[in-house]
Amino acid sequence: MAGGLSNIEVEREHHEMGPTGEEATLLREVLHAIRRIRHGQVQIHIQDGRVVQIDQTEKFRVTTR
């Protein structure tokens, strides 16, 4: 590529930049879901390289005596 950046260089520059506004919003949503639960899981669903859904499943443990 004469005078231009290779795909690897473009990808490296993209990763070295901070998150975009949309990415920062998604990261906050994921962090909020993680902080909200004590036992469970957070799943991120991706379609065509974009986050389309965040699922949170919480488990409540019951102790019996």
PDB file of N, CA and C in Angstrom:
ATOM      1  N   MET A   1       0.840  -1.183   0.000  1.00  0.00           N
ATOM      2  CA  MET A   1       0.000   0.000   0.000  1.00  0.00           C
ATOM      3  C   MET A   1       0.881   1.239   0.000  1.00  0.00           C
ATOM      4  N   ALA A   2       1.015   1.840  -1.114  1.00  0.00           N
ATOM      5  CA  ALA A   2       1.885   3.006  -1.238  1.00  0.00           C
ATOM      6  C   ALA A   2       1.259   4.207  -0.548  1.00  0.00           C
ATOM      7  N   GLY A   3       1.961   4.743   0.465  1.00  0.00           N
ATOM      8  CA  GLY A   3       1.509   5.952   1.136  1.00  0.00           C
ATOM      9  C   GLY A   3       0.372   5.761   2.127  1.00  0.00           C
ATOM     10  N   GLY A   4      -0.199   4.599   2.204  1.00  0.00           N
ATOM     11  CA  GLY A   4      -1.321   4.361   3.121  1.00  0.00           C
ATOM     12  C   GLY A   4      -0.925   3.419   4.236  1.00  0.00           C
ATOM     13  N   LEU A   5      -1.838   3.235   5.145  1.00  0.00           N
ATOM     14  CA  LEU A   5      -1.592   2.326   6.259  1.00  0.00           C
ATOM     15  C   LEU A   5      -2.066   0.931   5.887  1.00  0.00           C
ATOM     16  N   SER A   6      -1.328  -0.078   6.347  1.00  0.00           N
ATOM     17  CA  SER A   6      -1.761  -1.452   6.132  1.00  0.00           C
ATOM     18  C   SER A   6      -2.951  -1.739   7.045  1.00  0.00           C
ATOM     19  N   ASN A   7      -3.665  -2.807   6.760  1.00  0.00           N
ATOM     20  CA  ASN A   7      -4.793  -3.196   7.614  1.00  0.00           C
ATOM     21  C   ASN A   7      -4.352  -3.420   9.048  1.00  0.00           C
ATOM     22  N   ILE A   8      -3.173  -3.983   9.229  1.00  0.00           N
ATOM     23  CA  ILE A   8      -2.659  -4.235  10.580  1.00  0.00           C
ATOM     24  C   ILE A   8      -2.410  -2.914  11.300  1.00  0.00           C
ATOM     25  N   GLU A   9      -1.844  -1.938  10.591  1.00  0.00           N
ATOM     26  CA  GLU A   9      -1.583  -0.635  11.214  1.00  0.00           C
ATOM     27  C   GLU A   9      -2.882   0.085  11.569  1.00  0.00           C
ATOM     28  N   VAL A  10      -3.871  -0.003  10.699  1.00  0.00           N
ATOM     29  CA  VAL A  10      -5.166   0.620  10.976  1.00  0.00           C
ATOM     30  C   VAL A  10      -5.800  -0.039  12.200  1.00  0.00           C
ATOM     31  N   GLU A  11      -5.758  -1.355  12.258  1.00  0.00           N
ATOM     32  CA  GLU A  11      -6.323  -2.087  13.398  1.00  0.00           C
ATOM     33  C   GLU A  11      -5.590  -1.732  14.686  1.00  0.00           C
ATOM     34  N   ARG A  12      -4.276  -1.616  14.638  1.00  0.00           N
ATOM     35  CA  ARG A  12      -3.485  -1.251  15.814  1.00  0.00           C
ATOM     36  C   ARG A  12      -3.865   0.146  16.290  1.00  0.00           C
ATOM     37  N   GLU A  13      -3.989   1.093  15.372  1.00  0.00           N
ATOM     38  CA  GLU A  13      -4.379   2.451  15.752  1.00  0.00           C
ATOM     39  C   GLU A  13      -5.759   2.460  16.389  1.00  0.00           C
ATOM     40  N   HIS A  14      -6.672   1.676  15.841  1.00  0.00           N
ATOM     41  CA  HIS A  14      -8.028   1.605  16.379  1.00  0.00           C
ATOM     42  C   HIS A  14      -8.002   1.087  17.816  1.00  0.00           C
ATOM     43  N   HIS A  15      -7.201   0.058  18.092  1.00  0.00           N
ATOM     44  CA  HIS A  15      -7.139  -0.522  19.431  1.00  0.00           C
ATOM     45  C   HIS A  15      -6.416   0.384  20.419  1.00  0.00           C
ATOM     46  N   GLU A  16      -5.515   1.213  19.945  1.00  0.00           N
ATOM     47  CA  GLU A  16      -4.779   2.099  20.839  1.00  0.00           C
ATOM     48  C   GLU A  16      -5.605   3.308  21.243  1.00  0.00           C
ATOM     49  N   MET A  17      -6.647   3.632  20.486  1.00  0.00           N
ATOM     50  CA  MET A  17      -7.527   4.738  20.831  1.00  0.00           C
ATOM     51  C   MET A  17      -8.442   4.299  21.961  1.00  0.00           C
ATOM     52  N   GLY A  18      -8.971   5.248  22.692  1.00  0.00           N
ATOM     53  CA  GLY A  18      -9.938   4.920  23.722  1.00  0.00           C
ATOM     54  C   GLY A  18     -11.261   4.537  23.077  1.00  0.00           C
ATOM     55  N   PRO A  19     -12.207   4.097  23.900  1.00  0.00           N
ATOM     56  CA  PRO A  19     -13.501   3.691  23.351  1.00  0.00           C
ATOM     57  C   PRO A  19     -14.265   4.888  22.790  1.00  0.00           C
ATOM     58  N   THR A  20     -15.061   4.621  21.758  1.00  0.00           N
ATOM     59  CA  THR A  20     -15.935   5.657  21.216  1.00  0.00           C
ATOM     60  C   THR A  20     -17.041   5.916  22.232  1.00  0.00           C
ATOM     61  N   GLY A  21     -17.836   6.927  21.992  1.00  0.00           N
ATOM     62  CA  GLY A  21     -18.946   7.232  22.900  1.00  0.00           C
ATOM     63  C   GLY A  21     -19.904   6.069  23.034  1.00  0.00           C
ATOM     64  N   GLU A  22     -20.230   5.435  21.912  1.00  0.00           N
ATOM     65  CA  GLU A  22     -21.144   4.288  21.934  1.00  0.00           C
ATOM     66  C   GLU A  22     -20.522   3.115  22.685  1.00  0.00           C
ATOM     67  N   GLU A  23     -19.227   2.877  22.468  1.00  0.00           N
ATOM     68  CA  GLU A  23     -18.542   1.788  23.169  1.00  0.00           C
ATOM     69  C   GLU A  23     -18.486   2.055  24.671  1.00  0.00           C
ATOM     70  N   ALA A  24     -18.243   3.299  25.052  1.00  0.00           N
ATOM     71  CA  ALA A  24     -18.183   3.657  26.470  1.00  0.00           C
ATOM     72  C   ALA A  24     -19.535   3.416  27.134  1.00  0.00           C
ATOM     73  N   THR A  25     -20.619   3.731  26.431  1.00  0.00           N
ATOM     74  CA  THR A  25     -21.961   3.487  26.959  1.00  0.00           C
ATOM     75  C   THR A  25     -22.195   2.000  27.170  1.00  0.00           C
ATOM     76  N   LEU A  26     -21.807   1.188  26.186  1.00  0.00           N
ATOM     77  CA  LEU A  26     -21.958  -0.262  26.314  1.00  0.00           C
ATOM     78  C   LEU A  26     -21.124  -0.807  27.465  1.00  0.00           C
ATOM     79  N   LEU A  27     -19.908  -0.323  27.598  1.00  0.00           N
ATOM     80  CA  LEU A  27     -19.045  -0.778  28.696  1.00  0.00           C
ATOM     81  C   LEU A  27     -19.661  -0.431  30.048  1.00  0.00           C
ATOM     82  N   ARG A  28     -20.250   0.762  30.159  1.00  0.00           N
ATOM     83  CA  ARG A  28     -20.915   1.145  31.411  1.00  0.00           C
ATOM     84  C   ARG A  28     -22.090   0.219  31.701  1.00  0.00           C
ATOM     85  N   GLU A  29     -22.862  -0.144  30.682  1.00  0.00           N
ATOM     86  CA  GLU A  29     -24.000  -1.049  30.868  1.00  0.00           C
ATOM     87  C   GLU A  29     -23.539  -2.426  31.340  1.00  0.00           C
ATOM     88  N   VAL A  30     -22.471  -2.933  30.742  1.00  0.00           N
ATOM     89  CA  VAL A  30     -21.930  -4.238  31.143  1.00  0.00           C
ATOM     90  C   VAL A  30     -21.419  -4.162  32.581  1.00  0.00           C
ATOM     91  N   LEU A  31     -20.687  -3.121  32.907  1.00  0.00           N
ATOM     92  CA  LEU A  31     -20.163  -2.963  34.264  1.00  0.00           C
ATOM     93  C   LEU A  31     -21.304  -2.845  35.272  1.00  0.00           C
ATOM     94  N   HIS A  32     -22.341  -2.126  34.917  1.00  0.00           N
ATOM     95  CA  HIS A  32     -23.509  -1.987  35.798  1.00  0.00           C
ATOM     96  C   HIS A  32     -24.150  -3.356  36.055  1.00  0.00           C
ATOM     97  N   ALA A  33     -24.288  -4.160  35.003  1.00  0.00           N
ATOM     98  CA  ALA A  33     -24.871  -5.500  35.155  1.00  0.00           C
ATOM     99  C   ALA A  33     -24.002  -6.372  36.055  1.00  0.00           C
ATOM    100  N   ILE A  34     -22.692  -6.275  35.894  1.00  0.00           N
ATOM    101  CA  ILE A  34     -21.772  -7.072  36.713  1.00  0.00           C
ATOM    102  C   ILE A  34     -21.845  -6.658  38.175  1.00  0.00           C
ATOM    103  N   ARG A  35     -21.878  -5.370  38.426  1.00  0.00           N
ATOM    104  CA  ARG A  35     -21.899  -4.875  39.806  1.00  0.00           C
ATOM    105  C   ARG A  35     -23.215  -5.165  40.515  1.00  0.00           C
ATOM    106  N   ARG A  36     -24.289  -5.326  39.746  1.00  0.00           N
ATOM    107  CA  ARG A  36     -25.618  -5.489  40.307  1.00  0.00           C
ATOM    108  C   ARG A  36     -25.856  -6.895  40.865  1.00  0.00           C
ATOM    109  N   ILE A  37     -25.107  -7.886  40.434  1.00  0.00           N
ATOM    110  CA  ILE A  37     -25.386  -9.255  40.856  1.00  0.00           C
ATOM    111  C   ILE A  37     -24.305  -9.788  41.785  1.00  0.00           C
ATOM    112  N   ARG A  38     -24.712 -10.725  42.642  1.00  0.00           N
ATOM    113  CA  ARG A  38     -23.744 -11.372  43.531  1.00  0.00           C
ATOM    114  C   ARG A  38     -23.328 -12.724  42.978  1.00  0.00           C
ATOM    115  N   HIS A  39     -24.292 -13.493  42.467  1.00  0.00           N
ATOM    116  CA  HIS A  39     -24.016 -14.810  41.888  1.00  0.00           C
ATOM    117  C   HIS A  39     -24.785 -14.880  40.574  1.00  0.00           C
ATOM    118  N   GLY A  40     -24.116 -15.173  39.506  1.00  0.00           N
ATOM    119  CA  GLY A  40     -24.816 -15.286  38.235  1.00  0.00           C
ATOM    120  C   GLY A  40     -23.879 -15.062  37.068  1.00  0.00           C
ATOM    121  N   GLN A  41     -24.471 -14.586  35.979  1.00  0.00           N
ATOM    122  CA  GLN A  41     -23.664 -14.371  34.781  1.00  0.00           C
ATOM    123  C   GLN A  41     -24.207 -13.212  33.962  1.00  0.00           C
ATOM    124  N   VAL A  42     -23.325 -12.626  33.178  1.00  0.00           N
ATOM    125  CA  VAL A  42     -23.686 -11.583  32.235  1.00  0.00           C
ATOM    126  C   VAL A  42     -23.246 -12.082  30.859  1.00  0.00           C
ATOM    127  N   GLN A  43     -24.176 -12.078  29.912  1.00  0.00           N
ATOM    128  CA  GLN A  43     -23.872 -12.514  28.546  1.00  0.00           C
ATOM    129  C   GLN A  43     -24.033 -11.329  27.603  1.00  0.00           C
ATOM    130  N   ILE A  44     -23.102 -11.212  26.684  1.00  0.00           N
ATOM    131  CA  ILE A  44     -23.150 -10.158  25.685  1.00  0.00           C
ATOM    132  C   ILE A  44     -23.390 -10.822  24.339  1.00  0.00           C
ATOM    133  N   HIS A  45     -24.461 -10.438  23.659  1.00  0.00           N
ATOM    134  CA  HIS A  45     -24.819 -11.015  22.361  1.00  0.00           C
ATOM    135  C   HIS A  45     -24.364 -10.055  21.259  1.00  0.00           C
ATOM    136  N   ILE A  46     -23.650 -10.601  20.304  1.00  0.00           N
ATOM    137  CA  ILE A  46     -23.077  -9.797  19.229  1.00  0.00           C
ATOM    138  C   ILE A  46     -23.580 -10.321  17.893  1.00  0.00           C
ATOM    139  N   GLN A  47     -24.013  -9.405  17.029  1.00  0.00           N
ATOM    140  CA  GLN A  47     -24.416  -9.743  15.670  1.00  0.00           C
ATOM    141  C   GLN A  47     -23.717  -8.783  14.723  1.00  0.00           C
ATOM    142  N   ASP A  48     -23.115  -9.327  13.701  1.00  0.00           N
ATOM    143  CA  ASP A  48     -22.417  -8.506  12.699  1.00  0.00           C
ATOM    144  C   ASP A  48     -21.423  -7.543  13.345  1.00  0.00           C
ATOM    145  N   GLY A  49     -20.746  -8.011  14.396  1.00  0.00           N
ATOM    146  CA  GLY A  49     -19.711  -7.208  15.038  1.00  0.00           C
ATOM    147  C   GLY A  49     -20.233  -6.111  15.955  1.00  0.00           C
ATOM    148  N   ARG A  50     -21.528  -6.108  16.251  1.00  0.00           N
ATOM    149  CA  ARG A  50     -22.115  -5.088  17.121  1.00  0.00           C
ATOM    150  C   ARG A  50     -22.859  -5.756  18.275  1.00  0.00           C
ATOM    151  N   VAL A  51     -22.786  -5.145  19.451  1.00  0.00           N
ATOM    152  CA  VAL A  51     -23.527  -5.653  20.602  1.00  0.00           C
ATOM    153  C   VAL A  51     -25.006  -5.355  20.375  1.00  0.00           C
ATOM    154  N   VAL A  52     -25.830  -6.392  20.462  1.00  0.00           N
ATOM    155  CA  VAL A  52     -27.266  -6.209  20.256  1.00  0.00           C
ATOM    156  C   VAL A  52     -28.079  -6.496  21.517  1.00  0.00           C
ATOM    157  N   GLN A  53     -27.447  -7.157  22.503  1.00  0.00           N
ATOM    158  CA  GLN A  53     -28.200  -7.511  23.698  1.00  0.00           C
ATOM    159  C   GLN A  53     -27.239  -7.842  24.831  1.00  0.00           C
ATOM    160  N   ILE A  54     -27.633  -7.468  26.044  1.00  0.00           N
ATOM    161  CA  ILE A  54     -26.892  -7.836  27.248  1.00  0.00           C
ATOM    162  C   ILE A  54     -27.875  -8.544  28.166  1.00  0.00           C
ATOM    163  N   ASP A  55     -27.585  -9.807  28.505  1.00  0.00           N
ATOM    164  CA  ASP A  55     -28.441 -10.588  29.407  1.00  0.00           C
ATOM    165  C   ASP A  55     -27.753 -10.725  30.748  1.00  0.00           C
ATOM    166  N   GLN A  56     -28.553 -10.648  31.787  1.00  0.00           N
ATOM    167  CA  GLN A  56     -28.047 -10.830  33.140  1.00  0.00           C
ATOM    168  C   GLN A  56     -28.897 -11.894  33.807  1.00  0.00           C
ATOM    169  N   THR A  57     -28.250 -12.917  34.327  1.00  0.00           N
ATOM    170  CA  THR A  57     -28.943 -13.981  35.044  1.00  0.00           C
ATOM    171  C   THR A  57     -28.373 -14.033  36.452  1.00  0.00           C
ATOM    172  N   GLU A  58     -29.249 -13.893  37.424  1.00  0.00           N
ATOM    173  CA  GLU A  58     -28.792 -13.933  38.809  1.00  0.00           C
ATOM    174  C   GLU A  58     -29.342 -15.173  39.484  1.00  0.00           C
ATOM    175  N   LYS A  59     -28.497 -15.809  40.287  1.00  0.00           N
ATOM    176  CA  LYS A  59     -28.885 -17.002  41.027  1.00  0.00           C
ATOM    177  C   LYS A  59     -29.025 -16.624  42.497  1.00  0.00           C
ATOM    178  N   PHE A  60     -30.088 -17.079  43.083  1.00  0.00           N
ATOM    179  CA  PHE A  60     -30.277 -16.865  44.512  1.00  0.00           C
ATOM    180  C   PHE A  60     -30.066 -18.196  45.209  1.00  0.00           C
ATOM    181  N   ARG A  61     -29.113 -18.239  46.086  1.00  0.00           N
ATOM    182  CA  ARG A  61     -28.805 -19.482  46.790  1.00  0.00           C
ATOM    183  C   ARG A  61     -29.586 -19.538  48.092  1.00  0.00           C
ATOM    184  N   VAL A  62     -30.234 -20.655  48.284  1.00  0.00           N
ATOM    185  CA  VAL A  62     -31.055 -20.857  49.464  1.00  0.00           C
ATOM    186  C   VAL A  62     -30.327 -21.822  50.385  1.00  0.00           C
ATOM    187  N   THR A  63     -30.140 -21.412  51.620  1.00  0.00           N
ATOM    188  CA  THR A  63     -29.507 -22.312  52.585  1.00  0.00           C
ATOM    189  C   THR A  63     -30.597 -22.824  53.524  1.00  0.00           C
ATOM    190  N   THR A  64     -30.591 -24.102  53.761  1.00  0.00           N
ATOM    191  CA  THR A  64     -31.574 -24.695  54.661  1.00  0.00           C
ATOM    192  C   THR A  64     -30.869 -25.213  55.887  1.00  0.00           C
ATOM    193  N   ARG A  65     -31.595 -25.201  56.970  1.00  0.00           N
ATOM    194  CA  ARG A  65     -31.007 -25.674  58.232  1.00  0.00           C
ATOM    195  C   ARG A  65     -31.780 -26.822  58.766  1.00  0.00           C
TER     196      ARG A  65
END
